[in-house]
Amino acid sequence: MKIRRKHNLGAEEARHRADRIAEDLKDRFSLRAKWNGDALQVQGNGVSGRLVVDDRWLEVEVRLGFALMLMEGPIRSAIEATIDEELA
């Protein structure tokens, strides 16, 4: 799944907010996160993906394992809510 949001925060602040988004997702979904350039790589049990930030966009790409695919709707909603809260 991909979620993309436009922002007016600048790259540095967007990166800071991406850290906060990752922290929230880490707590909810037991993920590990590590920066690799402008992409924050996340991985957990049955979940992998990345948050990519630049000066105008924040994009989240998440790949769910088979067992979690059944929960894609609620997972997407939780991620979107977290992103929208951080970018507001």
C-alpha atoms as a PDB file:
ATOM      1  CA  MET A   1       0.000   0.000   0.000  1.00  0.00           C
ATOM      2  CA  LYS A   2       1.145   3.537  -0.724  1.00  0.00           C
ATOM      3  CA  ILE A   3       0.103   6.690   1.071  1.00  0.00           C
ATOM      4  CA  ARG A   4       1.321  10.050  -0.155  1.00  0.00           C
ATOM      5  CA  ARG A   5       0.791  13.452   1.419  1.00  0.00           C
ATOM      6  CA  LYS A   6       1.922  16.913   0.349  1.00  0.00           C
ATOM      7  CA  HIS A   7       3.353  19.226   2.999  1.00  0.00           C
ATOM      8  CA  ASN A   8       4.821  22.711   3.356  1.00  0.00           C
ATOM      9  CA  LEU A   9       7.214  21.878   6.183  1.00  0.00           C
ATOM     10  CA  GLY A  10      10.529  21.687   4.350  1.00  0.00           C
ATOM     11  CA  ALA A  11      12.658  18.556   4.171  1.00  0.00           C
ATOM     12  CA  GLU A  12      14.246  18.843   7.638  1.00  0.00           C
ATOM     13  CA  GLU A  13      10.959  19.286   9.509  1.00  0.00           C
ATOM     14  CA  ALA A  14       9.287  16.592   7.382  1.00  0.00           C
ATOM     15  CA  ARG A  15      12.104  14.217   8.335  1.00  0.00           C
ATOM     16  CA  HIS A  16      11.573  15.068  12.007  1.00  0.00           C
ATOM     17  CA  ARG A  17       7.845  14.368  11.641  1.00  0.00           C
ATOM     18  CA  ALA A  18       8.614  11.115   9.805  1.00  0.00           C
ATOM     19  CA  ASP A  19      10.596  10.069  12.896  1.00  0.00           C
ATOM     20  CA  ARG A  20       7.540  10.754  15.053  1.00  0.00           C
ATOM     21  CA  ILE A  21       5.301   8.850  12.627  1.00  0.00           C
ATOM     22  CA  ALA A  22       7.714   5.908  12.723  1.00  0.00           C
ATOM     23  CA  GLU A  23       7.790   6.020  16.528  1.00  0.00           C
ATOM     24  CA  ASP A  24       4.002   5.797  16.658  1.00  0.00           C
ATOM     25  CA  LEU A  25       3.926   2.956  14.123  1.00  0.00           C
ATOM     26  CA  LYS A  26       6.745   1.200  15.973  1.00  0.00           C
ATOM     27  CA  ASP A  27       4.671   1.203  19.135  1.00  0.00           C
ATOM     28  CA  ARG A  28       1.508   0.004  17.354  1.00  0.00           C
ATOM     29  CA  PHE A  29       3.038  -2.620  15.073  1.00  0.00           C
ATOM     30  CA  SER A  30       6.354  -3.551  16.764  1.00  0.00           C
ATOM     31  CA  LEU A  31       8.504  -2.141  13.969  1.00  0.00           C
ATOM     32  CA  ARG A  32      12.180  -1.295  13.769  1.00  0.00           C
ATOM     33  CA  ALA A  33      13.185   1.830  11.853  1.00  0.00           C
ATOM     34  CA  LYS A  34      16.473   3.041  10.355  1.00  0.00           C
ATOM     35  CA  TRP A  35      17.280   6.000   8.088  1.00  0.00           C
ATOM     36  CA  ASN A  36      18.900   5.268   4.737  1.00  0.00           C
ATOM     37  CA  GLY A  37      19.363   8.645   3.029  1.00  0.00           C
ATOM     38  CA  ASP A  38      15.942  10.305   2.734  1.00  0.00           C
ATOM     39  CA  ALA A  39      14.118   7.016   3.328  1.00  0.00           C
ATOM     40  CA  LEU A  40      13.232   5.675   6.754  1.00  0.00           C
ATOM     41  CA  GLN A  41      13.198   1.881   6.384  1.00  0.00           C
ATOM     42  CA  VAL A  42      10.756   0.061   8.665  1.00  0.00           C
ATOM     43  CA  GLN A  43      10.483  -3.627   9.313  1.00  0.00           C
ATOM     44  CA  GLY A  44       8.627  -5.896  11.663  1.00  0.00           C
ATOM     45  CA  ASN A  45       6.934  -9.250  11.889  1.00  0.00           C
ATOM     46  CA  GLY A  46       4.980  -9.493   8.627  1.00  0.00           C
ATOM     47  CA  VAL A  47       5.499  -5.816   7.745  1.00  0.00           C
ATOM     48  CA  SER A  48       8.158  -3.958   5.795  1.00  0.00           C
ATOM     49  CA  GLY A  49       8.268  -0.610   4.118  1.00  0.00           C
ATOM     50  CA  ARG A  50       9.664   2.874   4.069  1.00  0.00           C
ATOM     51  CA  LEU A  51       8.817   6.519   4.650  1.00  0.00           C
ATOM     52  CA  VAL A  52      10.358   8.815   2.063  1.00  0.00           C
ATOM     53  CA  VAL A  53      10.496  12.565   2.646  1.00  0.00           C
ATOM     54  CA  ASP A  54      11.524  15.539   0.597  1.00  0.00           C
ATOM     55  CA  ASP A  55      10.761  19.244   0.748  1.00  0.00           C
ATOM     56  CA  ARG A  56       7.188  18.769  -0.578  1.00  0.00           C
ATOM     57  CA  TRP A  57       6.065  15.156  -0.094  1.00  0.00           C
ATOM     58  CA  LEU A  58       5.927  12.429   2.505  1.00  0.00           C
ATOM     59  CA  GLU A  59       5.281   8.997   1.066  1.00  0.00           C
ATOM     60  CA  VAL A  60       4.747   5.771   2.950  1.00  0.00           C
ATOM     61  CA  GLU A  61       5.014   2.429   1.220  1.00  0.00           C
ATOM     62  CA  VAL A  62       4.100  -0.640   3.258  1.00  0.00           C
ATOM     63  CA  ARG A  63       4.211  -4.289   2.283  1.00  0.00           C
ATOM     64  CA  LEU A  64       2.126  -6.618   4.421  1.00  0.00           C
ATOM     65  CA  GLY A  65       2.672 -10.309   4.862  1.00  0.00           C
ATOM     66  CA  PHE A  66      -0.162 -12.668   3.995  1.00  0.00           C
ATOM     67  CA  ALA A  67      -1.581 -12.827   7.524  1.00  0.00           C
ATOM     68  CA  LEU A  68      -1.758  -9.038   7.804  1.00  0.00           C
ATOM     69  CA  MET A  69      -3.304  -8.502   4.362  1.00  0.00           C
ATOM     70  CA  LEU A  70      -6.677  -9.259   5.941  1.00  0.00           C
ATOM     71  CA  MET A  71      -6.149  -6.221   8.176  1.00  0.00           C
ATOM     72  CA  GLU A  72      -5.056  -3.837   5.408  1.00  0.00           C
ATOM     73  CA  GLY A  73      -8.036  -1.491   5.818  1.00  0.00           C
ATOM     74  CA  PRO A  74      -7.602  -0.837   9.554  1.00  0.00           C
ATOM     75  CA  ILE A  75      -3.802  -0.668   9.185  1.00  0.00           C
ATOM     76  CA  ARG A  76      -4.113   1.868   6.343  1.00  0.00           C
ATOM     77  CA  SER A  77      -6.557   3.938   8.407  1.00  0.00           C
ATOM     78  CA  ALA A  78      -4.203   3.948  11.404  1.00  0.00           C
ATOM     79  CA  ILE A  79      -1.227   5.003   9.271  1.00  0.00           C
ATOM     80  CA  GLU A  80      -3.212   7.725   7.480  1.00  0.00           C
ATOM     81  CA  ALA A  81      -4.511   9.100  10.783  1.00  0.00           C
ATOM     82  CA  THR A  82      -0.988   9.244  12.212  1.00  0.00           C
ATOM     83  CA  ILE A  83       0.417  10.951   9.109  1.00  0.00           C
ATOM     84  CA  ASP A  84      -2.415  13.465   8.909  1.00  0.00           C
ATOM     85  CA  GLU A  85      -2.022  14.318  12.598  1.00  0.00           C
ATOM     86  CA  GLU A  86       1.731  14.869  12.254  1.00  0.00           C
ATOM     87  CA  LEU A  87       1.431  16.967   9.098  1.00  0.00           C
ATOM     88  CA  ALA A  88      -1.385  19.168  10.404  1.00  0.00           C
END
